[in-house]
C-alpha atoms as a PDB file:
ATOM      1  CA  MET A   1     225.692  67.958  73.316  1.00  0.00           C
ATOM      2  CA  SER A   2     222.965  68.138  75.937  1.00  0.00           C
ATOM      3  CA  THR A   3     222.354  71.171  78.125  1.00  0.00           C
ATOM      4  CA  SER A   4     223.401  69.240  81.234  1.00  0.00           C
ATOM      5  CA  ALA A   5     226.712  68.274  79.607  1.00  0.00           C
ATOM      6  CA  VAL A   6     227.370  71.886  78.613  1.00  0.00           C
ATOM      7  CA  SER A   7     226.644  73.129  82.137  1.00  0.00           C
ATOM      8  CA  ARG A   8     228.912  70.455  83.558  1.00  0.00           C
ATOM      9  CA  PHE A   9     231.927  71.322  81.434  1.00  0.00           C
ATOM     10  CA  ALA A  10     231.369  75.075  81.117  1.00  0.00           C
ATOM     11  CA  PRO A  11     233.251  76.019  84.336  1.00  0.00           C
ATOM     12  CA  ALA A  12     236.318  74.058  83.249  1.00  0.00           C
ATOM     13  CA  LEU A  13     236.281  75.646  79.794  1.00  0.00           C
ATOM     14  CA  VAL A  14     235.873  79.133  81.247  1.00  0.00           C
ATOM     15  CA  GLY A  15     238.741  78.497  83.655  1.00  0.00           C
ATOM     16  CA  ALA A  16     240.976  77.304  80.808  1.00  0.00           C
ATOM     17  CA  VAL A  17     240.137  80.354  78.691  1.00  0.00           C
ATOM     18  CA  VAL A  18     240.873  82.722  81.586  1.00  0.00           C
ATOM     19  CA  LEU A  19     244.189  80.977  82.288  1.00  0.00           C
ATOM     20  CA  VAL A  20     245.331  81.096  78.660  1.00  0.00           C
ATOM     21  CA  GLY A  21     244.175  84.718  78.369  1.00  0.00           C
ATOM     22  CA  ALA A  22     246.136  85.741  81.466  1.00  0.00           C
ATOM     23  CA  TRP A  23     249.188  83.902  80.140  1.00  0.00           C
ATOM     24  CA  GLN A  24     248.951  85.678  76.784  1.00  0.00           C
ATOM     25  CA  ALA A  25     248.430  89.062  78.447  1.00  0.00           C
ATOM     26  CA  TYR A  26     251.441  88.607  80.725  1.00  0.00           C
ATOM     27  CA  VAL A  27     253.720  87.663  77.823  1.00  0.00           C
ATOM     28  CA  SER A  28     252.507  90.641  75.780  1.00  0.00           C
ATOM     29  CA  VAL A  29     252.917  93.153  78.606  1.00  0.00           C
ATOM     30  CA  SER A  30     256.203  91.900  80.047  1.00  0.00           C
ATOM     31  CA  HIS A  31     257.912  91.284  76.672  1.00  0.00           C
ATOM     32  CA  ILE A  32     259.538  88.231  78.179  1.00  0.00           C
ATOM     33  CA  LYS A  33     261.783  86.226  75.846  1.00  0.00           C
ATOM     34  CA  PRO A  34     260.153  83.209  74.139  1.00  0.00           C
ATOM     35  CA  GLN A  35     263.036  81.028  75.342  1.00  0.00           C
ATOM     36  CA  ILE A  36     261.855  81.700  78.898  1.00  0.00           C
ATOM     37  CA  LEU A  37     258.077  81.856  78.487  1.00  0.00           C
ATOM     38  CA  PRO A  38     256.547  81.661  75.010  1.00  0.00           C
ATOM     39  CA  SER A  39     253.030  82.849  74.350  1.00  0.00           C
ATOM     40  CA  PRO A  40     250.180  80.332  74.020  1.00  0.00           C
ATOM     41  CA  TRP A  41     249.928  81.265  70.347  1.00  0.00           C
ATOM     42  CA  ARG A  42     253.603  80.452  69.766  1.00  0.00           C
ATOM     43  CA  VAL A  43     253.224  77.135  71.617  1.00  0.00           C
ATOM     44  CA  ALA A  44     250.234  76.236  69.445  1.00  0.00           C
ATOM     45  CA  THR A  45     251.796  77.259  66.120  1.00  0.00           C
ATOM     46  CA  GLN A  46     255.192  75.681  66.783  1.00  0.00           C
ATOM     47  CA  GLY A  47     253.566  72.545  68.132  1.00  0.00           C
ATOM     48  CA  TRP A  48     251.484  72.273  64.974  1.00  0.00           C
ATOM     49  CA  SER A  49     254.568  72.832  62.804  1.00  0.00           C
ATOM     50  CA  HIS A  50     256.313  69.942  64.571  1.00  0.00           C
ATOM     51  CA  ARG A  51     253.202  67.780  64.838  1.00  0.00           C
ATOM     52  CA  ASP A  52     254.746  64.824  63.002  1.00  0.00           C
ATOM     53  CA  VAL A  53     257.684  64.497  65.399  1.00  0.00           C
ATOM     54  CA  ILE A  54     255.550  65.189  68.465  1.00  0.00           C
ATOM     55  CA  GLY A  55     252.941  62.695  67.255  1.00  0.00           C
ATOM     56  CA  THR A  56     255.544  59.969  66.750  1.00  0.00           C
ATOM     57  CA  ASN A  57     256.882  60.493  70.253  1.00  0.00           C
ATOM     58  CA  ALA A  58     253.341  60.633  71.662  1.00  0.00           C
ATOM     59  CA  VAL A  59     252.597  57.200  70.176  1.00  0.00           C
ATOM     60  CA  ALA A  60     255.728  55.814  71.868  1.00  0.00           C
ATOM     61  CA  THR A  61     254.649  57.293  75.209  1.00  0.00           C
ATOM     62  CA  LEU A  62     251.120  55.963  74.812  1.00  0.00           C
ATOM     63  CA  GLN A  63     252.511  52.491  74.121  1.00  0.00           C
ATOM     64  CA  VAL A  64     254.584  52.557  77.316  1.00  0.00           C
ATOM     65  CA  THR A  65     251.602  53.874  79.262  1.00  0.00           C
ATOM     66  CA  LEU A  66     249.168  51.222  78.062  1.00  0.00           C
ATOM     67  CA  VAL A  67     251.543  48.268  78.359  1.00  0.00           C
ATOM     68  CA  GLY A  68     252.762  49.313  81.800  1.00  0.00           C
ATOM     69  CA  PHE A  69     249.255  50.022  83.047  1.00  0.00           C
ATOM     70  CA  ALA A  70     247.944  46.707  81.690  1.00  0.00           C
ATOM     71  CA  PHE A  71     250.722  44.876  83.506  1.00  0.00           C
ATOM     72  CA  SER A  72     249.925  46.805  86.675  1.00  0.00           C
ATOM     73  CA  LEU A  73     246.236  45.891  86.371  1.00  0.00           C
ATOM     74  CA  ILE A  74     247.009  42.189  86.037  1.00  0.00           C
ATOM     75  CA  VAL A  75     249.315  42.164  89.052  1.00  0.00           C
ATOM     76  CA  ALA A  76     246.980  44.337  91.157  1.00  0.00           C
ATOM     77  CA  TRP A  77     243.924  42.163  90.464  1.00  0.00           C
ATOM     78  CA  THR A  78     245.840  38.933  91.087  1.00  0.00           C
ATOM     79  CA  LEU A  79     247.293  40.028  94.414  1.00  0.00           C
ATOM     80  CA  ALA A  80     244.139  41.830  95.599  1.00  0.00           C
ATOM     81  CA  VAL A  81     242.005  38.719  95.032  1.00  0.00           C
ATOM     82  CA  ALA A  82     244.631  36.564  96.742  1.00  0.00           C
ATOM     83  CA  VAL A  83     244.709  38.952  99.706  1.00  0.00           C
ATOM     84  CA  ASP A  84     240.917  38.877  99.945  1.00  0.00           C
ATOM     85  CA  PHE A  85     240.906  35.094 100.148  1.00  0.00           C
ATOM     86  CA  SER A  86     243.772  34.832 102.638  1.00  0.00           C
ATOM     87  CA  GLY A  87     244.182  36.741 105.880  1.00  0.00           C
ATOM     88  CA  TRP A  88     247.774  35.550 106.078  1.00  0.00           C
ATOM     89  CA  LEU A  89     248.574  37.059 102.678  1.00  0.00           C
ATOM     90  CA  ARG A  90     246.876  40.302 103.726  1.00  0.00           C
ATOM     91  CA  ARG A  91     249.185  40.622 106.719  1.00  0.00           C
ATOM     92  CA  ALA A  92     252.207  39.655 104.635  1.00  0.00           C
ATOM     93  CA  LEU A  93     251.626  41.762 101.516  1.00  0.00           C
ATOM     94  CA  LEU A  94     249.965  44.986 102.676  1.00  0.00           C
ATOM     95  CA  PRO A  95     253.141  46.275 104.388  1.00  0.00           C
ATOM     96  CA  MET A  96     255.054  45.492 101.191  1.00  0.00           C
ATOM     97  CA  PHE A  97     252.511  47.422  99.125  1.00  0.00           C
ATOM     98  CA  VAL A  98     252.976  50.462 101.336  1.00  0.00           C
ATOM     99  CA  THR A  99     256.760  50.086 101.281  1.00  0.00           C
ATOM    100  CA  SER A 100     256.753  50.087  97.473  1.00  0.00           C
ATOM    101  CA  GLN A 101     255.460  53.661  97.577  1.00  0.00           C
ATOM    102  CA  THR A 102     258.348  54.875  99.726  1.00  0.00           C
ATOM    103  CA  ILE A 103     260.872  54.189  96.958  1.00  0.00           C
ATOM    104  CA  PRO A 104     261.823  57.528  95.352  1.00  0.00           C
ATOM    105  CA  ILE A 105     261.128  57.227  91.632  1.00  0.00           C
ATOM    106  CA  ILE A 106     263.662  59.958  90.880  1.00  0.00           C
ATOM    107  CA  VAL A 107     266.355  57.592  92.168  1.00  0.00           C
ATOM    108  CA  LEU A 108     264.885  54.351  90.846  1.00  0.00           C
ATOM    109  CA  ALA A 109     264.279  55.495  87.251  1.00  0.00           C
ATOM    110  CA  PRO A 110     267.950  55.944  86.240  1.00  0.00           C
ATOM    111  CA  MET A 111     268.816  52.674  87.960  1.00  0.00           C
ATOM    112  CA  MET A 112     266.101  50.848  86.008  1.00  0.00           C
ATOM    113  CA  ILE A 113     267.584  52.226  82.781  1.00  0.00           C
ATOM    114  CA  THR A 114     271.042  51.058  83.894  1.00  0.00           C
ATOM    115  CA  TRP A 115     269.801  47.570  84.795  1.00  0.00           C
ATOM    116  CA  PHE A 116     267.515  46.909  81.821  1.00  0.00           C
ATOM    117  CA  GLY A 117     268.716  49.264  79.094  1.00  0.00           C
ATOM    118  CA  PHE A 118     266.747  51.771  77.020  1.00  0.00           C
ATOM    119  CA  GLY A 119     264.080  49.364  75.779  1.00  0.00           C
ATOM    120  CA  LEU A 120     260.458  48.956  76.765  1.00  0.00           C
ATOM    121  CA  LEU A 121     260.965  46.844  79.907  1.00  0.00           C
ATOM    122  CA  PRO A 122     262.338  49.434  82.383  1.00  0.00           C
ATOM    123  CA  LYS A 123     259.670  51.972  81.421  1.00  0.00           C
ATOM    124  CA  VAL A 124     256.904  49.389  81.765  1.00  0.00           C
ATOM    125  CA  LEU A 125     258.184  48.404  85.203  1.00  0.00           C
ATOM    126  CA  LEU A 126     258.287  52.031  86.346  1.00  0.00           C
ATOM    127  CA  VAL A 127     254.734  52.687  85.146  1.00  0.00           C
ATOM    128  CA  ALA A 128     253.581  49.524  86.939  1.00  0.00           C
ATOM    129  CA  LEU A 129     255.344  50.553  90.143  1.00  0.00           C
ATOM    130  CA  VAL A 130     253.760  54.014  90.071  1.00  0.00           C
ATOM    131  CA  THR A 131     250.219  52.767  89.378  1.00  0.00           C
ATOM    132  CA  PHE A 132     250.091  49.473  91.259  1.00  0.00           C
ATOM    133  CA  PHE A 133     249.411  50.830  94.746  1.00  0.00           C
ATOM    134  CA  PRO A 134     246.165  52.793  94.112  1.00  0.00           C
ATOM    135  CA  LEU A 135     244.762  49.933  92.024  1.00  0.00           C
ATOM    136  CA  ALA A 136     245.541  47.241  94.582  1.00  0.00           C
ATOM    137  CA  ILE A 137     244.375  49.253  97.595  1.00  0.00           C
ATOM    138  CA  GLY A 138     241.195  50.308  95.807  1.00  0.00           C
ATOM    139  CA  LEU A 139     240.344  46.674  95.128  1.00  0.00           C
ATOM    140  CA  ILE A 140     241.283  45.422  98.589  1.00  0.00           C
ATOM    141  CA  GLU A 141     239.244  48.103 100.344  1.00  0.00           C
ATOM    142  CA  GLY A 142     236.387  47.545  97.901  1.00  0.00           C
ATOM    143  CA  PHE A 143     236.258  43.836  98.709  1.00  0.00           C
ATOM    144  CA  ALA A 144     236.399  44.603 102.428  1.00  0.00           C
ATOM    145  CA  ALA A 145     233.495  47.073 102.126  1.00  0.00           C
ATOM    146  CA  THR A 146     231.030  44.265 101.409  1.00  0.00           C
ATOM    147  CA  GLU A 147     228.157  44.158 103.897  1.00  0.00           C
ATOM    148  CA  ARG A 148     228.513  41.215 106.235  1.00  0.00           C
ATOM    149  CA  GLU A 149     224.790  40.521 106.094  1.00  0.00           C
ATOM    150  CA  ALA A 150     224.949  39.885 102.347  1.00  0.00           C
ATOM    151  CA  GLY A 151     227.818  37.468 102.722  1.00  0.00           C
ATOM    152  CA  ALA A 152     226.173  35.746 105.657  1.00  0.00           C
ATOM    153  CA  LEU A 153     222.957  35.349 103.664  1.00  0.00           C
ATOM    154  CA  LEU A 154     224.730  33.639 100.780  1.00  0.00           C
ATOM    155  CA  GLN A 155     226.683  31.480 103.207  1.00  0.00           C
ATOM    156  CA  SER A 156     223.461  30.375 104.898  1.00  0.00           C
ATOM    157  CA  MET A 157     222.178  29.342 101.472  1.00  0.00           C
ATOM    158  CA  GLY A 158     225.225  27.114 100.975  1.00  0.00           C
ATOM    159  CA  ALA A 159     227.193  29.399  98.675  1.00  0.00           C
ATOM    160  CA  SER A 160     230.911  28.692  98.473  1.00  0.00           C
ATOM    161  CA  ARG A 161     233.535  31.312  99.257  1.00  0.00           C
ATOM    162  CA  TRP A 162     234.096  31.783  95.529  1.00  0.00           C
ATOM    163  CA  LYS A 163     230.398  32.355  94.838  1.00  0.00           C
ATOM    164  CA  GLN A 164     230.234  34.883  97.683  1.00  0.00           C
ATOM    165  CA  PHE A 165     233.171  36.669  96.069  1.00  0.00           C
ATOM    166  CA  ARG A 166     231.638  36.555  92.596  1.00  0.00           C
ATOM    167  CA  TYR A 167     228.121  37.661  93.446  1.00  0.00           C
ATOM    168  CA  VAL A 168     228.682  40.056  96.363  1.00  0.00           C
ATOM    169  CA  ARG A 169     232.268  41.097  97.001  1.00  0.00           C
ATOM    170  CA  LEU A 170     233.276  41.712  93.388  1.00  0.00           C
ATOM    171  CA  PRO A 171     230.275  43.929  92.448  1.00  0.00           C
ATOM    172  CA  THR A 172     230.742  45.874  95.698  1.00  0.00           C
ATOM    173  CA  ALA A 173     234.408  46.508  94.930  1.00  0.00           C
ATOM    174  CA  LEU A 174     233.991  47.726  91.351  1.00  0.00           C
ATOM    175  CA  PRO A 175     232.921  51.336  92.134  1.00  0.00           C
ATOM    176  CA  ARG A 176     236.009  51.833  94.314  1.00  0.00           C
ATOM    177  CA  PHE A 177     238.141  50.075  91.728  1.00  0.00           C
ATOM    178  CA  PHE A 178     237.099  52.504  88.995  1.00  0.00           C
ATOM    179  CA  THR A 179     237.887  55.434  91.264  1.00  0.00           C
ATOM    180  CA  ALA A 180     241.349  53.952  91.772  1.00  0.00           C
ATOM    181  CA  LEU A 181     241.571  53.272  88.033  1.00  0.00           C
ATOM    182  CA  ARG A 182     241.094  56.956  87.250  1.00  0.00           C
ATOM    183  CA  ILE A 183     243.831  57.880  89.701  1.00  0.00           C
ATOM    184  CA  GLY A 184     246.136  55.195  88.377  1.00  0.00           C
ATOM    185  CA  VAL A 185     245.716  56.003  84.695  1.00  0.00           C
ATOM    186  CA  THR A 186     246.819  59.614  85.216  1.00  0.00           C
ATOM    187  CA  TYR A 187     249.799  58.383  87.251  1.00  0.00           C
ATOM    188  CA  ALA A 188     250.605  56.011  84.375  1.00  0.00           C
ATOM    189  CA  VAL A 189     251.137  58.833  81.885  1.00  0.00           C
ATOM    190  CA  VAL A 190     253.285  60.768  84.350  1.00  0.00           C
ATOM    191  CA  GLY A 191     255.274  57.625  85.143  1.00  0.00           C
ATOM    192  CA  ALA A 192     255.885  56.951  81.446  1.00  0.00           C
ATOM    193  CA  ILE A 193     257.043  60.536  80.853  1.00  0.00           C
ATOM    194  CA  PHE A 194     259.367  60.389  83.847  1.00  0.00           C
ATOM    195  CA  ALA A 195     260.824  57.044  82.759  1.00  0.00           C
ATOM    196  CA  GLU A 196     261.518  58.447  79.289  1.00  0.00           C
ATOM    197  CA  TYR A 197     262.941  61.620  80.767  1.00  0.00           C
ATOM    198  CA  ALA A 198     265.443  59.515  82.726  1.00  0.00           C
ATOM    199  CA  GLY A 199     266.552  57.760  79.574  1.00  0.00           C
ATOM    200  CA  ALA A 200     264.917  56.544  76.382  1.00  0.00           C
ATOM    201  CA  GLU A 201     265.330  56.503  72.626  1.00  0.00           C
ATOM    202  CA  ASN A 202     261.930  58.069  71.889  1.00  0.00           C
ATOM    203  CA  GLY A 203     258.818  59.306  73.642  1.00  0.00           C
ATOM    204  CA  LEU A 204     257.509  62.641  74.884  1.00  0.00           C
ATOM    205  CA  GLY A 205     259.763  62.535  77.950  1.00  0.00           C
ATOM    206  CA  ILE A 206     263.006  62.321  76.010  1.00  0.00           C
ATOM    207  CA  TYR A 207     261.608  64.749  73.425  1.00  0.00           C
ATOM    208  CA  MET A 208     261.001  67.356  76.130  1.00  0.00           C
ATOM    209  CA  ALA A 209     264.464  66.762  77.571  1.00  0.00           C
ATOM    210  CA  ARG A 210     266.082  67.355  74.164  1.00  0.00           C
ATOM    211  CA  GLN A 211     264.038  70.464  73.422  1.00  0.00           C
ATOM    212  CA  LYS A 212     264.823  71.853  76.859  1.00  0.00           C
ATOM    213  CA  GLN A 213     268.544  71.508  76.138  1.00  0.00           C
ATOM    214  CA  MET A 214     268.040  73.524  72.934  1.00  0.00           C
ATOM    215  CA  PHE A 215     266.045  76.202  74.818  1.00  0.00           C
ATOM    216  CA  ARG A 216     262.890  75.409  72.799  1.00  0.00           C
ATOM    217  CA  THR A 217     260.508  76.076  75.634  1.00  0.00           C
ATOM    218  CA  ASP A 218     257.659  76.415  73.152  1.00  0.00           C
ATOM    219  CA  LEU A 219     258.090  72.822  71.983  1.00  0.00           C
ATOM    220  CA  VAL A 220     258.490  71.608  75.553  1.00  0.00           C
ATOM    221  CA  LEU A 221     255.143  73.174  76.442  1.00  0.00           C
ATOM    222  CA  ALA A 222     253.576  71.822  73.246  1.00  0.00           C
ATOM    223  CA  ALA A 223     254.598  68.329  74.361  1.00  0.00           C
ATOM    224  CA  VAL A 224     253.184  69.066  77.810  1.00  0.00           C
ATOM    225  CA  VAL A 225     249.839  69.944  76.213  1.00  0.00           C
ATOM    226  CA  VAL A 226     249.865  66.663  74.270  1.00  0.00           C
ATOM    227  CA  THR A 227     250.649  64.812  77.501  1.00  0.00           C
ATOM    228  CA  ALA A 228     247.707  66.495  79.210  1.00  0.00           C
ATOM    229  CA  VAL A 229     245.401  65.583  76.316  1.00  0.00           C
ATOM    230  CA  ILE A 230     246.473  61.929  76.525  1.00  0.00           C
ATOM    231  CA  SER A 231     245.845  61.894  80.281  1.00  0.00           C
ATOM    232  CA  ILE A 232     242.406  63.475  79.887  1.00  0.00           C
ATOM    233  CA  LEU A 233     241.373  61.052  77.133  1.00  0.00           C
ATOM    234  CA  LEU A 234     242.448  58.034  79.189  1.00  0.00           C
ATOM    235  CA  PHE A 235     240.675  59.467  82.229  1.00  0.00           C
ATOM    236  CA  VAL A 236     237.452  59.922  80.258  1.00  0.00           C
ATOM    237  CA  ALA A 237     237.805  56.422  78.798  1.00  0.00           C
ATOM    238  CA  THR A 238     237.543  54.927  82.292  1.00  0.00           C
ATOM    239  CA  TYR A 239     234.001  56.304  82.560  1.00  0.00           C
ATOM    240  CA  ALA A 240     233.061  54.622  79.279  1.00  0.00           C
ATOM    241  CA  VAL A 241     234.441  51.307  80.519  1.00  0.00           C
ATOM    242  CA  GLU A 242     232.698  51.752  83.874  1.00  0.00           C
ATOM    243  CA  ARG A 243     229.363  52.383  82.136  1.00  0.00           C
ATOM    244  CA  VAL A 244     229.669  48.999  80.422  1.00  0.00           C
ATOM    245  CA  VAL A 245     231.199  46.935  83.238  1.00  0.00           C
ATOM    246  CA  ALA A 246     229.577  48.456  86.325  1.00  0.00           C
ATOM    247  CA  PRO A 247     226.605  50.697  85.386  1.00  0.00           C
ATOM    248  CA  TRP A 248     225.373  50.677  88.989  1.00  0.00           C
ATOM    249  CA  ALA A 249     228.478  52.613  90.061  1.00  0.00           C
ATOM    250  CA  ARG A 250     227.338  55.647  88.072  1.00  0.00           C
ATOM    251  CA  GLN A 251     223.863  55.407  89.569  1.00  0.00           C
ATOM    252  CA  GLU A 252     225.358  55.390  93.072  1.00  0.00           C
ATOM    253  CA  ARG A 253     227.337  58.568  92.305  1.00  0.00           C
ATOM    254  CA  GLN A 254     224.240  60.322  90.996  1.00  0.00           C
ATOM    255  CA  LYS A 255     222.382  59.567  94.237  1.00  0.00           C
ATOM    256  CA  ARG A 256     225.060  61.280  96.327  1.00  0.00           C
END
């Protein structure tokens, strides 16, 4: 690992070490019961002892996350491009996009389970609902951020509306899209956990709910750690995809 990478991640690692150390010190000094607040060491050891069960449930959660997020991406791209090409659709759909975010997920999740059962569909729909808005708005605002002079230049050269979109508007929108993608992918994991918590046959959400009922706070926190690791890995993966798809976005960030 390069020196620059170490210096970049060192503050986060130091902060994590301090937090875990303070947690361990508090548990040791206060003698609080493990059912209320287990020590980090107990969380780690018990999580490792139950790694097979936690891993199986983590795979189920990851499946819901990826399928739901992929569906959200398809819908967001389709509608954002349509909105960019049609002012009428922009006026018709943008208020609906905003309205979709006013629906309380805590109310909608149990209803989705009631309507569609305990299978994959209701969880996928909830993940898509949670992640759709930042993706769509990031794309729409990215398209709108295109410099008028660039579009006018292509238009003066006889470029069609589609070619203007392909060569100017789309590349301009990608940096904002990847910012929205990073927001959305973390929401996706949370949405999947919440959907499973409301009702599911397997997954980290239902696993945490069951362990909570048995007062196994250590296993609940172990599942939380796994959830955080999944979120971080997906978040980091967006940078790898961005480096391949839109390398100029990284260069723009470095100039700031």
